């Protein structure tokens, strides 16, 4: 149950730029550990575990999309500056 809550907390923190990437990896590791360990057992913190996994994936996607968008915007601005 504690790992489920840690997965949720780290999933929330995965949205923090730069700091969130290693926390997201740790959260995914917790998510997979809980998934393998719970089998058919009842987990009272299952909702936190599922939301933690979803938030982690979203945090990773955002962490990857923001730098890509900044590079594209920088290239577009450079192109527009050099080709009026």
Protein backbone atom coordinates (compact mmCIF):
# COMPACT_ATOMS: atom_id res chain seq x y z
CA UNK A 1 0.00 0.00 0.00
CA UNK A 2 2.88 2.34 0.78
CA UNK A 3 4.35 1.84 -2.69
CA UNK A 4 0.99 2.73 -4.23
CA UNK A 5 0.98 6.04 -2.39
CA UNK A 6 4.63 6.66 -3.31
CA UNK A 7 3.75 5.96 -6.94
CA UNK A 8 1.03 8.62 -6.76
CA UNK A 9 3.27 11.19 -5.06
CA UNK A 10 6.08 10.65 -7.53
CA UNK A 11 3.60 10.72 -10.39
CA UNK A 12 2.50 14.18 -9.31
CA UNK A 13 6.10 15.33 -9.00
CA UNK A 14 6.91 14.01 -12.47
CA UNK A 15 5.31 17.20 -13.86
CA UNK A 16 8.13 19.33 -12.42
CA UNK A 17 10.47 20.32 -15.27
CA UNK A 18 13.92 18.66 -15.23
CA UNK A 19 13.47 17.29 -11.70
CA UNK A 20 10.45 15.25 -12.77
CA UNK A 21 12.25 12.91 -15.17
CA UNK A 22 14.13 10.81 -12.58
CA UNK A 23 11.09 10.87 -10.31
CA UNK A 24 8.92 9.58 -13.15
CA UNK A 25 11.31 6.69 -13.72
CA UNK A 26 11.17 5.84 -10.03
CA UNK A 27 7.37 6.09 -10.06
CA UNK A 28 7.18 3.70 -13.01
CA UNK A 29 9.39 1.26 -11.13
CA UNK A 30 7.02 1.43 -8.13
CA UNK A 31 4.03 1.02 -10.45
CA UNK A 32 5.48 -2.16 -11.94
CA UNK A 33 6.51 -3.56 -8.55
CA UNK A 34 3.00 -3.10 -7.17
CA UNK A 35 1.51 -4.60 -10.33
CA UNK A 36 3.68 -7.72 -10.01
CA UNK A 37 3.22 -8.04 -6.24
CA UNK A 38 -0.52 -7.57 -5.95
CA UNK A 39 -1.60 -10.45 -8.22
CA UNK A 40 -5.09 -11.24 -6.90
CA UNK A 41 -4.68 -9.49 -3.56
CA UNK A 42 -6.85 -6.56 -2.56
CA UNK A 43 -5.03 -3.23 -2.56
CA UNK A 44 -6.86 -0.50 -0.61
CA UNK A 45 -4.74 2.15 -2.36
CA UNK A 46 -5.47 0.84 -5.86
CA UNK A 47 -6.92 4.17 -7.00
CA UNK A 48 -3.76 6.01 -5.99
CA UNK A 49 -1.67 3.37 -7.73
CA UNK A 50 -3.61 3.72 -11.01
CA UNK A 51 -3.63 7.51 -10.90
CA UNK A 52 0.08 7.48 -10.09
CA UNK A 53 0.76 5.44 -13.21
CA UNK A 54 -1.38 7.73 -15.38
CA UNK A 55 0.22 10.89 -13.99
CA UNK A 56 3.68 9.43 -14.52
CA UNK A 57 3.02 8.68 -18.18
CA UNK A 58 1.56 12.17 -18.69
CA UNK A 59 4.52 13.74 -16.91
CA UNK A 60 6.95 11.83 -19.13
CA UNK A 61 5.08 12.85 -22.27
CA UNK A 62 5.04 16.49 -21.25
CA UNK A 63 8.72 16.33 -20.29
CA UNK A 64 9.50 15.13 -23.80
CA UNK A 65 7.11 17.42 -25.68
CA UNK A 66 8.19 20.72 -24.09
CA UNK A 67 11.85 20.53 -25.23
CA UNK A 68 10.79 19.39 -28.70
CA UNK A 69 8.34 22.29 -28.97
CA UNK A 70 11.02 24.75 -27.83
CA UNK A 71 13.44 23.47 -30.47
CA UNK A 72 10.80 23.74 -33.18
CA UNK A 73 9.89 27.28 -32.08
CA UNK A 74 13.56 28.24 -32.02
CA UNK A 75 14.13 26.86 -35.50
CA UNK A 76 11.03 28.64 -36.80
CA UNK A 77 12.11 31.95 -35.25
CA UNK A 78 15.59 31.54 -36.73
CA UNK A 79 14.13 30.78 -40.15
CA UNK A 80 11.81 33.79 -40.02
CA UNK A 81 14.64 36.06 -38.86
CA UNK A 82 16.92 34.97 -41.73
CA UNK A 83 14.20 34.85 -44.43
CA UNK A 84 12.06 37.96 -44.12
